[in-house]
Amino acid sequence: MEKVFSGIQPSGQLHLGNYLGAVKKWIELTEDHDCIYCIVDYHAVTQDYKPKKMQKRIFEMAASLMACGLDPDRCRIFVQSHVPEHTELAWILNTVTPMGELERQVQYKSKSESQSENINVGLFGYPVLQAADILLYRAQKVPVGEDQVQHLELAREIVRRLRNRFGYELPEPQPLLSDVKRLKGLDGDDKMSKSLGNTISVDADADTITKKIKGAKTDPQRKKRKDPGDPKVCNIFTMHRFFSTEKEQRWATEGCKSADIGCGDCKKKLTENIITHLEPIQATLGELRKDPDRVWSALAAGALTCRREAAANLDELREAMGLR
């Protein structure tokens, strides 16, 4: 089976953007791929954070992933810092990565603007550590959004440099682009982000979901109830595609275009469906919180198998470089 690698920052609970844009695809891939999924805490420390809350954030992310259906018996889930070979390989990859390549990374520029008081070296080298995460396991496929394609191209360039300089062969990882239409936040502008407060957590209660959907932006053309709208440009309808039946989607489409229904009607149905969809996820999440050893044991088992593989692969690279 082809090997797949992907990672997610320990931001606490998953939100709908994570779930719909990445995690649902991760779960599907476990059917016919060798999947490795990593909670990337070393990436997370490039931003300001509270150390006392980090372990809770890691636990909540792992528990959320498992509650959504990511089965540790069908894939490997682990914490990045539990496999130190990640940072060792990142240092090696630094030596074959030109400064110019990193300076051109769009995400470095955008993150530098958003945290101008903390532009650290780790932020600059973020894509190198990402490349190390992937190459350490010889991953062939990486599920990514369009904003991560540039980072993956850098990883392929690093593979070519290792081959040319040391004769060390690695597969060039290819992107698995999401077929999910980009889900904007509830503000209708930026992508869903916990830091922007424009999303819904998978453990949000019914009242919170109702309130957030009620305040979400819709088609700007519908200034009045009688105005017809265009579902194609409405973020609420985009979410209907994930949570509503085909019949309900037709109802929303035809009703919006003809102004037979208002945005409030459309939001009410979506709210009901989101609450129903999240109920079993929230029930499982509640069980995992009562049994934290189940989560930590899954992470420990994943780290153990990953470290064995990582150590063997890194040892081969050391030998190729004359370092063994």
C-alpha atoms as a PDB file:
ATOM      1  CA  MET A   1       0.000   0.000   0.000  1.00  0.00           C
ATOM      2  CA  GLU A   2       1.111   3.549  -0.650  1.00  0.00           C
ATOM      3  CA  LYS A   3       2.274   5.404   2.434  1.00  0.00           C
ATOM      4  CA  VAL A   4       0.449   8.568   3.463  1.00  0.00           C
ATOM      5  CA  PHE A   5       1.626  11.159   5.968  1.00  0.00           C
ATOM      6  CA  SER A   6      -0.131  14.215   7.316  1.00  0.00           C
ATOM      7  CA  GLY A   7       0.008  16.341  10.438  1.00  0.00           C
ATOM      8  CA  ILE A   8      -2.154  18.691  12.452  1.00  0.00           C
ATOM      9  CA  GLN A   9      -1.276  21.233  15.105  1.00  0.00           C
ATOM     10  CA  PRO A  10      -2.484  20.612  18.678  1.00  0.00           C
ATOM     11  CA  SER A  11      -4.950  23.481  18.786  1.00  0.00           C
ATOM     12  CA  GLY A  12      -7.311  21.661  21.142  1.00  0.00           C
ATOM     13  CA  GLN A  13     -10.607  20.369  19.791  1.00  0.00           C
ATOM     14  CA  LEU A  14     -11.118  19.978  16.080  1.00  0.00           C
ATOM     15  CA  HIS A  15     -13.368  22.473  14.369  1.00  0.00           C
ATOM     16  CA  LEU A  16     -15.567  21.917  11.341  1.00  0.00           C
ATOM     17  CA  GLY A  17     -12.921  23.292   8.975  1.00  0.00           C
ATOM     18  CA  ASN A  18     -10.421  20.645  10.146  1.00  0.00           C
ATOM     19  CA  TYR A  19     -13.008  17.906  10.138  1.00  0.00           C
ATOM     20  CA  LEU A  20     -14.489  18.526   6.708  1.00  0.00           C
ATOM     21  CA  GLY A  21     -11.326  19.735   4.969  1.00  0.00           C
ATOM     22  CA  ALA A  22      -8.877  17.120   6.247  1.00  0.00           C
ATOM     23  CA  VAL A  23      -9.942  14.531   8.808  1.00  0.00           C
ATOM     24  CA  LYS A  24     -12.797  12.968   6.831  1.00  0.00           C
ATOM     25  CA  LYS A  25     -10.332  12.355   3.998  1.00  0.00           C
ATOM     26  CA  TRP A  26      -7.765  10.961   6.440  1.00  0.00           C
ATOM     27  CA  ILE A  27     -10.301   8.411   7.612  1.00  0.00           C
ATOM     28  CA  GLU A  28     -11.131   7.357   4.037  1.00  0.00           C
ATOM     29  CA  LEU A  29      -7.443   6.888   3.238  1.00  0.00           C
ATOM     30  CA  THR A  30      -7.016   4.317   6.018  1.00  0.00           C
ATOM     31  CA  GLU A  31      -9.117   1.928   3.927  1.00  0.00           C
ATOM     32  CA  ASP A  32      -6.396   1.302   1.344  1.00  0.00           C
ATOM     33  CA  HIS A  33      -3.238   3.172   2.422  1.00  0.00           C
ATOM     34  CA  ASP A  34      -0.568   2.852   5.084  1.00  0.00           C
ATOM     35  CA  CYS A  35      -1.407   6.040   6.990  1.00  0.00           C
ATOM     36  CA  ILE A  36       0.641   7.971   9.536  1.00  0.00           C
ATOM     37  CA  TYR A  37      -0.948  10.971  11.237  1.00  0.00           C
ATOM     38  CA  CYS A  38       1.040  13.246  13.489  1.00  0.00           C
ATOM     39  CA  ILE A  39       0.121  15.874  16.085  1.00  0.00           C
ATOM     40  CA  VAL A  40       2.844  18.394  15.292  1.00  0.00           C
ATOM     41  CA  ASP A  41       3.666  20.029  18.617  1.00  0.00           C
ATOM     42  CA  TYR A  42       7.128  21.167  17.479  1.00  0.00           C
ATOM     43  CA  HIS A  43       5.452  23.176  14.737  1.00  0.00           C
ATOM     44  CA  ALA A  44       3.062  24.646  17.284  1.00  0.00           C
ATOM     45  CA  VAL A  45       5.820  26.134  19.448  1.00  0.00           C
ATOM     46  CA  THR A  46       6.835  28.539  16.669  1.00  0.00           C
ATOM     47  CA  GLN A  47       3.878  30.620  17.894  1.00  0.00           C
ATOM     48  CA  ASP A  48       3.216  32.104  21.318  1.00  0.00           C
ATOM     49  CA  TYR A  49       1.531  29.573  23.592  1.00  0.00           C
ATOM     50  CA  LYS A  50       0.994  28.647  27.241  1.00  0.00           C
ATOM     51  CA  PRO A  51       3.219  25.674  28.187  1.00  0.00           C
ATOM     52  CA  LYS A  52       0.885  24.505  30.963  1.00  0.00           C
ATOM     53  CA  LYS A  53      -1.912  24.042  28.434  1.00  0.00           C
ATOM     54  CA  MET A  54       0.079  22.188  25.772  1.00  0.00           C
ATOM     55  CA  GLN A  55      -0.559  18.656  27.056  1.00  0.00           C
ATOM     56  CA  LYS A  56      -4.285  19.329  27.298  1.00  0.00           C
ATOM     57  CA  ARG A  57      -4.266  20.664  23.735  1.00  0.00           C
ATOM     58  CA  ILE A  58      -2.472  17.532  22.531  1.00  0.00           C
ATOM     59  CA  PHE A  59      -4.891  15.256  24.365  1.00  0.00           C
ATOM     60  CA  GLU A  60      -7.966  17.078  23.088  1.00  0.00           C
ATOM     61  CA  MET A  61      -6.735  16.952  19.506  1.00  0.00           C
ATOM     62  CA  ALA A  62      -5.949  13.236  19.710  1.00  0.00           C
ATOM     63  CA  ALA A  63      -9.272  12.463  21.393  1.00  0.00           C
ATOM     64  CA  SER A  64     -11.142  14.527  18.799  1.00  0.00           C
ATOM     65  CA  LEU A  65      -9.430  12.691  15.934  1.00  0.00           C
ATOM     66  CA  MET A  66     -10.324   9.336  17.427  1.00  0.00           C
ATOM     67  CA  ALA A  67     -13.894  10.415  18.162  1.00  0.00           C
ATOM     68  CA  CYS A  68     -14.365  11.477  14.546  1.00  0.00           C
ATOM     69  CA  GLY A  69     -13.409   7.973  13.416  1.00  0.00           C
ATOM     70  CA  LEU A  70      -9.634   7.824  13.089  1.00  0.00           C
ATOM     71  CA  ASP A  71      -8.959   4.309  14.357  1.00  0.00           C
ATOM     72  CA  PRO A  72      -5.485   3.696  15.892  1.00  0.00           C
ATOM     73  CA  ASP A  73      -5.828   0.045  14.876  1.00  0.00           C
ATOM     74  CA  ARG A  74      -5.984   1.064  11.191  1.00  0.00           C
ATOM     75  CA  CYS A  75      -3.374   3.819  11.167  1.00  0.00           C
ATOM     76  CA  ARG A  76      -0.620   5.292  13.296  1.00  0.00           C
ATOM     77  CA  ILE A  77      -1.347   8.385  15.399  1.00  0.00           C
ATOM     78  CA  PHE A  78       1.455   9.915  17.445  1.00  0.00           C
ATOM     79  CA  VAL A  79       2.951  13.135  18.798  1.00  0.00           C
ATOM     80  CA  GLN A  80       5.825  14.674  16.845  1.00  0.00           C
ATOM     81  CA  SER A  81       8.065  15.381  19.859  1.00  0.00           C
ATOM     82  CA  HIS A  82       7.807  11.722  20.924  1.00  0.00           C
ATOM     83  CA  VAL A  83       9.905  10.789  17.871  1.00  0.00           C
ATOM     84  CA  PRO A  84      13.086  12.916  18.121  1.00  0.00           C
ATOM     85  CA  GLU A  85      14.273  11.746  14.704  1.00  0.00           C
ATOM     86  CA  HIS A  86      11.976  14.414  13.222  1.00  0.00           C
ATOM     87  CA  THR A  87      14.113  17.277  14.464  1.00  0.00           C
ATOM     88  CA  GLU A  88      17.377  15.456  13.777  1.00  0.00           C
ATOM     89  CA  LEU A  89      16.394  14.944  10.159  1.00  0.00           C
ATOM     90  CA  ALA A  90      15.234  18.571   9.935  1.00  0.00           C
ATOM     91  CA  TRP A  91      18.763  19.698  10.870  1.00  0.00           C
ATOM     92  CA  ILE A  92      20.254  17.524   8.139  1.00  0.00           C
ATOM     93  CA  LEU A  93      17.756  18.857   5.600  1.00  0.00           C
ATOM     94  CA  ASN A  94      18.687  22.417   6.594  1.00  0.00           C
ATOM     95  CA  THR A  95      22.125  21.785   5.121  1.00  0.00           C
ATOM     96  CA  VAL A  96      20.723  21.101   1.641  1.00  0.00           C
ATOM     97  CA  THR A  97      17.972  23.743   1.647  1.00  0.00           C
ATOM     98  CA  PRO A  98      18.885  27.121   0.072  1.00  0.00           C
ATOM     99  CA  MET A  99      17.930  30.237   2.033  1.00  0.00           C
ATOM    100  CA  GLY A 100      16.293  31.638  -1.080  1.00  0.00           C
ATOM    101  CA  GLU A 101      13.814  28.768  -1.197  1.00  0.00           C
ATOM    102  CA  LEU A 102      12.647  29.536   2.329  1.00  0.00           C
ATOM    103  CA  GLU A 103      12.481  33.268   1.753  1.00  0.00           C
ATOM    104  CA  ARG A 104      10.038  32.652  -1.079  1.00  0.00           C
ATOM    105  CA  GLN A 105       7.622  30.655   1.064  1.00  0.00           C
ATOM    106  CA  VAL A 106       4.299  32.481   1.092  1.00  0.00           C
ATOM    107  CA  GLN A 107       3.239  31.113   4.462  1.00  0.00           C
ATOM    108  CA  TYR A 108       6.391  32.439   6.129  1.00  0.00           C
ATOM    109  CA  LYS A 109       5.534  35.915   4.906  1.00  0.00           C
ATOM    110  CA  SER A 110       1.928  35.713   6.056  1.00  0.00           C
ATOM    111  CA  LYS A 111       2.804  34.240   9.457  1.00  0.00           C
ATOM    112  CA  SER A 112       5.477  36.867   9.979  1.00  0.00           C
ATOM    113  CA  GLU A 113       2.836  39.540   9.442  1.00  0.00           C
ATOM    114  CA  SER A 114       0.407  37.913  11.865  1.00  0.00           C
ATOM    115  CA  GLN A 115       3.019  37.513  14.641  1.00  0.00           C
ATOM    116  CA  SER A 116       5.381  40.391  13.958  1.00  0.00           C
ATOM    117  CA  GLU A 117       6.607  40.370  17.574  1.00  0.00           C
ATOM    118  CA  ASN A 118       7.797  36.772  17.306  1.00  0.00           C
ATOM    119  CA  ILE A 119       9.462  36.156  13.939  1.00  0.00           C
ATOM    120  CA  ASN A 120      11.708  33.292  15.044  1.00  0.00           C
ATOM    121  CA  VAL A 121      14.108  30.997  13.196  1.00  0.00           C
ATOM    122  CA  GLY A 122      11.705  28.098  13.722  1.00  0.00           C
ATOM    123  CA  LEU A 123       9.067  29.970  11.776  1.00  0.00           C
ATOM    124  CA  PHE A 124      11.525  30.495   8.933  1.00  0.00           C
ATOM    125  CA  GLY A 125      12.531  26.817   8.915  1.00  0.00           C
ATOM    126  CA  TYR A 126       8.962  25.538   9.372  1.00  0.00           C
ATOM    127  CA  PRO A 127       8.809  24.056   5.833  1.00  0.00           C
ATOM    128  CA  VAL A 128      12.060  22.141   6.409  1.00  0.00           C
ATOM    129  CA  LEU A 129      10.619  20.449   9.479  1.00  0.00           C
ATOM    130  CA  GLN A 130       7.509  19.698   7.432  1.00  0.00           C
ATOM    131  CA  ALA A 131       9.699  18.062   4.807  1.00  0.00           C
ATOM    132  CA  ALA A 132      11.432  16.036   7.535  1.00  0.00           C
ATOM    133  CA  ASP A 133       8.068  14.856   8.867  1.00  0.00           C
ATOM    134  CA  ILE A 134       7.192  13.471   5.430  1.00  0.00           C
ATOM    135  CA  LEU A 135      10.544  12.145   4.246  1.00  0.00           C
ATOM    136  CA  LEU A 136      11.369  10.415   7.531  1.00  0.00           C
ATOM    137  CA  TYR A 137       8.809   7.739   6.631  1.00  0.00           C
ATOM    138  CA  ARG A 138       9.346   7.761   2.855  1.00  0.00           C
ATOM    139  CA  ALA A 139       5.755   8.900   2.415  1.00  0.00           C
ATOM    140  CA  GLN A 140       4.488   8.876  -1.166  1.00  0.00           C
ATOM    141  CA  LYS A 141       1.279  10.851  -0.729  1.00  0.00           C
ATOM    142  CA  VAL A 142       0.445  13.856   1.440  1.00  0.00           C
ATOM    143  CA  PRO A 143      -3.131  15.144   1.834  1.00  0.00           C
ATOM    144  CA  VAL A 144      -2.855  18.933   1.599  1.00  0.00           C
ATOM    145  CA  GLY A 145      -4.826  22.044   0.858  1.00  0.00           C
ATOM    146  CA  GLU A 146      -3.786  24.402  -1.904  1.00  0.00           C
ATOM    147  CA  ASP A 147      -1.961  26.613   0.616  1.00  0.00           C
ATOM    148  CA  GLN A 148       0.459  23.755   1.387  1.00  0.00           C
ATOM    149  CA  VAL A 149       1.406  22.832  -2.187  1.00  0.00           C
ATOM    150  CA  GLN A 150       4.438  25.150  -2.125  1.00  0.00           C
ATOM    151  CA  HIS A 151       5.776  23.424   0.992  1.00  0.00           C
ATOM    152  CA  LEU A 152       5.414  20.031  -0.658  1.00  0.00           C
ATOM    153  CA  GLU A 153       7.281  21.207  -3.745  1.00  0.00           C
ATOM    154  CA  LEU A 154      10.125  22.223  -1.419  1.00  0.00           C
ATOM    155  CA  ALA A 155      10.113  18.699   0.035  1.00  0.00           C
ATOM    156  CA  ARG A 156      10.478  17.259  -3.480  1.00  0.00           C
ATOM    157  CA  GLU A 157      13.329  19.663  -4.201  1.00  0.00           C
ATOM    158  CA  ILE A 158      15.062  18.487  -1.018  1.00  0.00           C
ATOM    159  CA  VAL A 159      14.672  14.863  -2.174  1.00  0.00           C
ATOM    160  CA  ARG A 160      16.412  15.741  -5.439  1.00  0.00           C
ATOM    161  CA  ARG A 161      19.245  17.494  -3.606  1.00  0.00           C
ATOM    162  CA  LEU A 162      19.803  14.484  -1.330  1.00  0.00           C
ATOM    163  CA  ARG A 163      19.928  12.260  -4.398  1.00  0.00           C
ATOM    164  CA  ASN A 164      22.364  14.468  -6.295  1.00  0.00           C
ATOM    165  CA  ARG A 165      24.673  15.150  -3.374  1.00  0.00           C
ATOM    166  CA  PHE A 166      24.704  11.861  -1.482  1.00  0.00           C
ATOM    167  CA  GLY A 167      23.140   9.328  -3.842  1.00  0.00           C
ATOM    168  CA  TYR A 168      20.364   8.819  -1.307  1.00  0.00           C
ATOM    169  CA  GLU A 169      17.082   7.751  -2.873  1.00  0.00           C
ATOM    170  CA  LEU A 170      13.684   8.792  -1.527  1.00  0.00           C
ATOM    171  CA  PRO A 171      10.263   8.912  -3.188  1.00  0.00           C
ATOM    172  CA  GLU A 172       9.197  12.400  -4.185  1.00  0.00           C
ATOM    173  CA  PRO A 173       5.978  12.938  -2.188  1.00  0.00           C
ATOM    174  CA  GLN A 174       2.942  13.856  -4.239  1.00  0.00           C
ATOM    175  CA  PRO A 175       0.000  15.968  -3.073  1.00  0.00           C
ATOM    176  CA  LEU A 176      -3.448  14.551  -2.479  1.00  0.00           C
ATOM    177  CA  LEU A 177      -5.410  17.732  -3.022  1.00  0.00           C
ATOM    178  CA  SER A 178      -8.700  17.944  -1.190  1.00  0.00           C
ATOM    179  CA  ASP A 179     -11.754  17.681  -3.424  1.00  0.00           C
ATOM    180  CA  VAL A 180     -13.669  19.656  -0.811  1.00  0.00           C
ATOM    181  CA  LYS A 181     -14.585  23.169  -1.832  1.00  0.00           C
ATOM    182  CA  ARG A 182     -12.714  25.586   0.411  1.00  0.00           C
ATOM    183  CA  LEU A 183     -14.849  26.161   3.474  1.00  0.00           C
ATOM    184  CA  LYS A 184     -14.819  29.766   4.572  1.00  0.00           C
ATOM    185  CA  GLY A 185     -15.337  30.797   8.152  1.00  0.00           C
ATOM    186  CA  LEU A 186     -18.672  31.920   9.511  1.00  0.00           C
ATOM    187  CA  ASP A 187     -17.622  35.491   8.777  1.00  0.00           C
ATOM    188  CA  GLY A 188     -17.704  34.627   5.078  1.00  0.00           C
ATOM    189  CA  ASP A 189     -14.229  36.046   4.484  1.00  0.00           C
ATOM    190  CA  ASP A 190     -11.273  34.048   5.828  1.00  0.00           C
ATOM    191  CA  LYS A 191     -10.868  30.294   6.049  1.00  0.00           C
ATOM    192  CA  MET A 192     -12.134  28.640   9.213  1.00  0.00           C
ATOM    193  CA  SER A 193      -9.706  29.275  12.046  1.00  0.00           C
ATOM    194  CA  LYS A 194      -9.930  28.885  15.797  1.00  0.00           C
ATOM    195  CA  SER A 195      -7.760  31.969  16.299  1.00  0.00           C
ATOM    196  CA  LEU A 196     -10.189  34.055  14.224  1.00  0.00           C
ATOM    197  CA  GLY A 197     -13.204  32.720  16.117  1.00  0.00           C
ATOM    198  CA  ASN A 198     -15.082  32.063  12.885  1.00  0.00           C
ATOM    199  CA  THR A 199     -15.666  28.350  13.220  1.00  0.00           C
ATOM    200  CA  ILE A 200     -17.547  25.724  15.244  1.00  0.00           C
ATOM    201  CA  SER A 201     -15.803  23.146  17.408  1.00  0.00           C
ATOM    202  CA  VAL A 202     -16.861  19.515  17.003  1.00  0.00           C
ATOM    203  CA  ASP A 203     -17.747  19.496  20.704  1.00  0.00           C
ATOM    204  CA  ALA A 204     -19.877  22.657  20.581  1.00  0.00           C
ATOM    205  CA  ASP A 205     -23.275  22.299  22.277  1.00  0.00           C
ATOM    206  CA  ALA A 206     -26.574  22.841  20.471  1.00  0.00           C
ATOM    207  CA  ASP A 207     -27.032  26.386  21.767  1.00  0.00           C
ATOM    208  CA  THR A 208     -23.562  27.428  20.597  1.00  0.00           C
ATOM    209  CA  ILE A 209     -24.066  25.890  17.155  1.00  0.00           C
ATOM    210  CA  THR A 210     -27.458  27.592  16.812  1.00  0.00           C
ATOM    211  CA  LYS A 211     -26.067  30.967  17.811  1.00  0.00           C
ATOM    212  CA  LYS A 212     -23.045  30.737  15.514  1.00  0.00           C
ATOM    213  CA  ILE A 213     -24.965  29.599  12.442  1.00  0.00           C
ATOM    214  CA  LYS A 214     -27.608  32.252  13.068  1.00  0.00           C
ATOM    215  CA  GLY A 215     -24.929  34.951  12.937  1.00  0.00           C
ATOM    216  CA  ALA A 216     -23.080  33.527   9.925  1.00  0.00           C
ATOM    217  CA  LYS A 217     -22.854  35.529   6.708  1.00  0.00           C
ATOM    218  CA  THR A 218     -24.803  34.384   3.660  1.00  0.00           C
ATOM    219  CA  ASP A 219     -25.122  35.492   0.034  1.00  0.00           C
ATOM    220  CA  PRO A 220     -24.544  39.291   0.086  1.00  0.00           C
ATOM    221  CA  GLN A 221     -27.089  39.694  -2.723  1.00  0.00           C
ATOM    222  CA  ARG A 222     -29.922  38.756  -0.370  1.00  0.00           C
ATOM    223  CA  LYS A 223     -30.316  42.003   1.481  1.00  0.00           C
ATOM    224  CA  LYS A 224     -34.039  41.384   1.962  1.00  0.00           C
ATOM    225  CA  ARG A 225     -36.165  38.279   2.454  1.00  0.00           C
ATOM    226  CA  LYS A 226     -37.747  38.645  -1.001  1.00  0.00           C
ATOM    227  CA  ASP A 227     -34.402  38.932  -2.817  1.00  0.00           C
ATOM    228  CA  PRO A 228     -33.366  35.787  -4.771  1.00  0.00           C
ATOM    229  CA  GLY A 229     -29.897  34.444  -4.049  1.00  0.00           C
ATOM    230  CA  ASP A 230     -27.148  32.332  -5.532  1.00  0.00           C
ATOM    231  CA  PRO A 231     -26.306  29.184  -3.514  1.00  0.00           C
ATOM    232  CA  LYS A 232     -22.965  28.891  -5.333  1.00  0.00           C
ATOM    233  CA  VAL A 233     -21.590  31.920  -3.486  1.00  0.00           C
ATOM    234  CA  CYS A 234     -23.230  31.196  -0.128  1.00  0.00           C
ATOM    235  CA  ASN A 235     -21.076  29.603   2.553  1.00  0.00           C
ATOM    236  CA  ILE A 236     -24.146  28.262   4.338  1.00  0.00           C
ATOM    237  CA  PHE A 237     -25.067  26.258   1.253  1.00  0.00           C
ATOM    238  CA  THR A 238     -21.480  24.973   1.028  1.00  0.00           C
ATOM    239  CA  MET A 239     -21.976  23.473   4.495  1.00  0.00           C
ATOM    240  CA  HIS A 240     -25.334  21.997   3.435  1.00  0.00           C
ATOM    241  CA  ARG A 241     -23.371  19.844   0.976  1.00  0.00           C
ATOM    242  CA  PHE A 242     -21.682  18.113   3.902  1.00  0.00           C
ATOM    243  CA  PHE A 243     -24.525  17.831   6.390  1.00  0.00           C
ATOM    244  CA  SER A 244     -27.750  17.686   4.369  1.00  0.00           C
ATOM    245  CA  THR A 245     -29.406  15.087   2.151  1.00  0.00           C
ATOM    246  CA  GLU A 246     -29.678  15.604  -1.604  1.00  0.00           C
ATOM    247  CA  LYS A 247     -33.375  16.348  -1.156  1.00  0.00           C
ATOM    248  CA  GLU A 248     -32.605  19.024   1.416  1.00  0.00           C
ATOM    249  CA  GLN A 249     -29.927  20.508  -0.814  1.00  0.00           C
ATOM    250  CA  ARG A 250     -32.423  20.761  -3.692  1.00  0.00           C
ATOM    251  CA  TRP A 251     -34.883  22.433  -1.327  1.00  0.00           C
ATOM    252  CA  ALA A 252     -32.231  24.951  -0.282  1.00  0.00           C
ATOM    253  CA  THR A 253     -31.082  25.570  -3.867  1.00  0.00           C
ATOM    254  CA  GLU A 254     -34.519  26.083  -5.393  1.00  0.00           C
ATOM    255  CA  GLY A 255     -35.827  28.020  -2.404  1.00  0.00           C
ATOM    256  CA  CYS A 256     -32.849  30.369  -2.391  1.00  0.00           C
ATOM    257  CA  LYS A 257     -32.956  31.074  -6.122  1.00  0.00           C
ATOM    258  CA  SER A 258     -36.692  31.735  -6.078  1.00  0.00           C
ATOM    259  CA  ALA A 259     -36.708  33.488  -2.678  1.00  0.00           C
ATOM    260  CA  ASP A 260     -39.355  30.983  -1.525  1.00  0.00           C
ATOM    261  CA  ILE A 261     -37.248  30.470   1.606  1.00  0.00           C
ATOM    262  CA  GLY A 262     -35.204  32.966   3.566  1.00  0.00           C
ATOM    263  CA  CYS A 263     -31.663  32.652   4.853  1.00  0.00           C
ATOM    264  CA  GLY A 264     -33.124  31.993   8.305  1.00  0.00           C
ATOM    265  CA  ASP A 265     -34.975  28.912   7.028  1.00  0.00           C
ATOM    266  CA  CYS A 266     -31.812  27.653   5.341  1.00  0.00           C
ATOM    267  CA  LYS A 267     -29.764  28.202   8.493  1.00  0.00           C
ATOM    268  CA  LYS A 268     -32.319  26.470  10.704  1.00  0.00           C
ATOM    269  CA  LYS A 269     -32.208  23.272   8.646  1.00  0.00           C
ATOM    270  CA  LEU A 270     -28.388  23.337   8.523  1.00  0.00           C
ATOM    271  CA  THR A 271     -28.219  23.837  12.300  1.00  0.00           C
ATOM    272  CA  GLU A 272     -30.453  20.822  12.916  1.00  0.00           C
ATOM    273  CA  ASN A 273     -28.322  18.646  10.641  1.00  0.00           C
ATOM    274  CA  ILE A 274     -24.995  19.730  12.146  1.00  0.00           C
ATOM    275  CA  ILE A 275     -26.252  18.999  15.665  1.00  0.00           C
ATOM    276  CA  THR A 276     -27.475  15.554  14.594  1.00  0.00           C
ATOM    277  CA  HIS A 277     -24.221  14.762  12.772  1.00  0.00           C
ATOM    278  CA  LEU A 278     -22.020  15.745  15.720  1.00  0.00           C
ATOM    279  CA  GLU A 279     -24.008  13.894  18.400  1.00  0.00           C
ATOM    280  CA  PRO A 280     -22.230  10.498  18.037  1.00  0.00           C
ATOM    281  CA  ILE A 281     -18.837  12.223  17.739  1.00  0.00           C
ATOM    282  CA  GLN A 282     -19.495  14.140  20.946  1.00  0.00           C
ATOM    283  CA  ALA A 283     -20.666  10.991  22.731  1.00  0.00           C
ATOM    284  CA  THR A 284     -17.433   9.169  21.834  1.00  0.00           C
ATOM    285  CA  LEU A 285     -15.367  12.210  22.791  1.00  0.00           C
ATOM    286  CA  GLY A 286     -17.043  12.219  26.192  1.00  0.00           C
ATOM    287  CA  GLU A 287     -16.120   8.559  26.687  1.00  0.00           C
ATOM    288  CA  LEU A 288     -12.482   9.203  25.751  1.00  0.00           C
ATOM    289  CA  ARG A 289     -12.233  12.091  28.190  1.00  0.00           C
ATOM    290  CA  LYS A 290     -13.353   9.731  30.939  1.00  0.00           C
ATOM    291  CA  ASP A 291     -10.717   7.187  29.870  1.00  0.00           C
ATOM    292  CA  PRO A 292      -7.615   9.275  29.010  1.00  0.00           C
ATOM    293  CA  ASP A 293      -5.302   6.244  29.203  1.00  0.00           C
ATOM    294  CA  ARG A 294      -6.967   4.930  26.059  1.00  0.00           C
ATOM    295  CA  VAL A 295      -5.869   8.046  24.168  1.00  0.00           C
ATOM    296  CA  TRP A 296      -2.343   8.242  25.599  1.00  0.00           C
ATOM    297  CA  SER A 297      -1.828   4.502  25.005  1.00  0.00           C
ATOM    298  CA  ALA A 298      -2.784   4.912  21.342  1.00  0.00           C
ATOM    299  CA  LEU A 299      -0.320   7.792  20.983  1.00  0.00           C
ATOM    300  CA  ALA A 300       2.436   5.822  22.726  1.00  0.00           C
ATOM    301  CA  ALA A 301       1.906   2.780  20.505  1.00  0.00           C
ATOM    302  CA  GLY A 302       1.980   4.975  17.412  1.00  0.00           C
ATOM    303  CA  ALA A 303       5.174   6.685  18.523  1.00  0.00           C
ATOM    304  CA  LEU A 304       6.865   3.343  19.226  1.00  0.00           C
ATOM    305  CA  THR A 305       6.291   1.928  15.751  1.00  0.00           C
ATOM    306  CA  CYS A 306       7.059   5.252  14.078  1.00  0.00           C
ATOM    307  CA  ARG A 307      10.311   5.660  15.975  1.00  0.00           C
ATOM    308  CA  ARG A 308      11.523   2.223  14.921  1.00  0.00           C
ATOM    309  CA  GLU A 309      10.864   3.047  11.288  1.00  0.00           C
ATOM    310  CA  ALA A 310      12.266   6.574  11.589  1.00  0.00           C
ATOM    311  CA  ALA A 311      15.467   5.382  13.246  1.00  0.00           C
ATOM    312  CA  ALA A 312      16.122   2.797  10.536  1.00  0.00           C
ATOM    313  CA  ASN A 313      15.528   5.285   7.722  1.00  0.00           C
ATOM    314  CA  LEU A 314      17.639   7.973   9.359  1.00  0.00           C
ATOM    315  CA  ASP A 315      20.460   5.495   9.888  1.00  0.00           C
ATOM    316  CA  GLU A 316      20.539   4.800   6.142  1.00  0.00           C
ATOM    317  CA  LEU A 317      20.816   8.512   5.426  1.00  0.00           C
ATOM    318  CA  ARG A 318      23.633   8.935   7.959  1.00  0.00           C
ATOM    319  CA  GLU A 319      25.543   6.158   6.216  1.00  0.00           C
ATOM    320  CA  ALA A 320      25.031   7.807   2.807  1.00  0.00           C
ATOM    321  CA  MET A 321      26.355  11.070   4.261  1.00  0.00           C
ATOM    322  CA  GLY A 322      29.389   9.464   5.868  1.00  0.00           C
ATOM    323  CA  LEU A 323      28.078  10.129   9.377  1.00  0.00           C
ATOM    324  CA  ARG A 324      27.416   6.617  10.581  1.00  0.00           C
END
